[in-house]
């Protein structure tokens, strides 16, 4: 979370975020090391639940993490900074751009930026 001027980061607890969003919920963590947050997003925040409640609470949360705790996202100035989110929201466009960049010999006549 940022302040009103978007100049300073203000820490926000995962438990507070989960409470604010409610259930069911879906989280897309498009960042390096996203897997480190996974246990906190699927936990019950210290609340003791019976077996049925615990099972249902996990069914109501979807967390998408592109990286494990110690992995980094690919960094390429020719691709969007939010590459994982872009793959979810515009999969064909990103797949074509990726393919063109990975196959420069067979796609030499195609400008990757023309794929919109």
Protein backbone atom coordinates (compact mmCIF):
# COMPACT_ATOMS: atom_id res chain seq x y z
CA UNK A 1 0.00 0.00 0.00
CA UNK A 2 1.24 3.51 -0.76
CA UNK A 3 0.47 6.88 0.79
CA UNK A 4 -1.84 9.38 -0.95
CA UNK A 5 1.02 10.81 -3.03
CA UNK A 6 2.30 7.36 -4.03
CA UNK A 7 5.73 8.28 -2.72
CA UNK A 8 6.07 6.09 0.36
CA UNK A 9 5.33 2.40 0.86
CA UNK A 10 3.24 1.58 3.92
CA UNK A 11 3.42 -2.06 5.10
CA UNK A 12 0.10 -3.93 5.09
CA UNK A 13 -0.34 -7.21 6.97
CA UNK A 14 -1.41 -10.26 4.95
CA UNK A 15 -4.03 -11.07 7.61
CA UNK A 16 -5.51 -7.57 7.18
CA UNK A 17 -5.57 -7.99 3.40
CA UNK A 18 -7.36 -11.34 3.69
CA UNK A 19 -9.89 -9.85 6.08
CA UNK A 20 -10.47 -6.84 3.80
CA UNK A 21 -10.90 -8.96 0.65
CA UNK A 22 -13.03 -11.65 2.29
CA UNK A 23 -13.89 -15.04 0.90
CA UNK A 24 -13.90 -16.45 -1.72
CA UNK A 25 -10.81 -14.68 -2.99
CA UNK A 26 -8.08 -14.89 -5.60
CA UNK A 27 -4.60 -13.41 -5.29
CA UNK A 28 -2.16 -12.90 -8.17
CA UNK A 29 1.34 -12.30 -6.82
CA UNK A 30 3.28 -11.11 -9.86
CA UNK A 31 6.65 -10.69 -8.17
CA UNK A 32 9.91 -12.48 -7.49
CA UNK A 33 9.80 -14.74 -4.45
CA UNK A 34 5.98 -14.84 -4.52
CA UNK A 35 5.93 -18.37 -3.10
CA UNK A 36 7.16 -17.00 0.23
CA UNK A 37 3.71 -15.45 0.78
CA UNK A 38 1.75 -18.60 -0.10
CA UNK A 39 1.68 -20.12 3.42
CA UNK A 40 0.39 -16.84 4.86
CA UNK A 41 -2.39 -16.53 2.28
CA UNK A 42 -3.71 -20.05 2.80
CA UNK A 43 -3.34 -20.09 6.60
CA UNK A 44 -6.14 -19.50 9.07
CA UNK A 45 -4.20 -16.69 10.80
CA UNK A 46 -3.99 -18.60 14.07
CA UNK A 47 -7.74 -19.24 14.28
CA UNK A 48 -8.50 -22.83 15.32
CA UNK A 49 -10.90 -24.45 12.86
CA UNK A 50 -12.39 -27.92 12.83
CA UNK A 51 -11.43 -30.24 9.98
CA UNK A 52 -14.46 -29.37 7.80
CA UNK A 53 -14.01 -25.59 8.26
CA UNK A 54 -10.28 -25.89 7.50
CA UNK A 55 -11.00 -27.83 4.30
CA UNK A 56 -13.63 -25.29 3.17
CA UNK A 57 -11.39 -22.30 3.91
CA UNK A 58 -8.71 -23.65 1.57
CA UNK A 59 -11.31 -24.17 -1.17
CA UNK A 60 -12.24 -20.48 -0.99
CA UNK A 61 -8.75 -19.10 -1.73
CA UNK A 62 -6.89 -19.24 -5.03
CA UNK A 63 -3.30 -17.99 -5.05
CA UNK A 64 -1.31 -17.73 -8.28
CA UNK A 65 2.45 -17.44 -7.75
CA UNK A 66 4.79 -17.35 -10.77
CA UNK A 67 7.89 -18.02 -8.63
CA UNK A 68 8.88 -20.00 -5.59
CA UNK A 69 10.39 -18.38 -2.52
CA UNK A 70 13.91 -18.09 -3.96
CA UNK A 71 13.18 -17.59 -7.67
CA UNK A 72 13.23 -14.37 -9.68
CA UNK A 73 10.90 -13.30 -12.45
CA UNK A 74 12.44 -13.06 -15.92
CA UNK A 75 13.58 -9.52 -16.60
CA UNK A 76 13.55 -8.39 -20.21
CA UNK A 77 13.01 -4.75 -21.23
CA UNK A 78 11.26 -5.97 -24.40
CA UNK A 79 8.55 -7.73 -22.38
CA UNK A 80 6.04 -6.32 -19.89
CA UNK A 81 7.27 -5.91 -16.31
CA UNK A 82 4.13 -7.76 -15.19
CA UNK A 83 4.78 -10.72 -17.51
CA UNK A 84 2.85 -13.25 -15.40
CA UNK A 85 -0.24 -11.04 -15.18
CA UNK A 86 0.03 -10.32 -18.91
CA UNK A 87 0.03 -14.06 -19.59
CA UNK A 88 -3.22 -14.32 -17.63
CA UNK A 89 -4.96 -11.30 -19.15
CA UNK A 90 -3.68 -11.35 -22.76
CA UNK A 91 -2.28 -14.87 -23.28
CA UNK A 92 -2.33 -14.96 -27.10
CA UNK A 93 -0.63 -11.59 -27.47
CA UNK A 94 2.13 -12.46 -24.98
CA UNK A 95 2.61 -15.95 -26.46
CA UNK A 96 3.06 -14.46 -29.93
CA UNK A 97 5.51 -11.81 -28.71
CA UNK A 98 7.47 -14.48 -26.82
CA UNK A 99 7.52 -16.81 -29.86
CA UNK A 100 8.69 -14.05 -32.21
CA UNK A 101 11.52 -13.08 -29.85
CA UNK A 102 12.55 -16.72 -29.33
CA UNK A 103 12.62 -17.45 -33.09
CA UNK A 104 14.41 -14.49 -34.69
CA UNK A 105 15.43 -16.40 -37.83
CA UNK A 106 11.99 -17.65 -38.81
CA UNK A 107 10.21 -14.47 -37.65
CA UNK A 108 12.72 -11.88 -38.86
CA UNK A 109 10.10 -10.02 -40.92
CA UNK A 110 7.66 -9.66 -37.99
CA UNK A 111 7.97 -6.82 -35.53
CA UNK A 112 7.02 -8.12 -32.05
CA UNK A 113 5.47 -4.73 -31.23
CA UNK A 114 3.04 -5.13 -34.14
CA UNK A 115 1.35 -7.97 -32.25
CA UNK A 116 -1.44 -6.07 -30.58
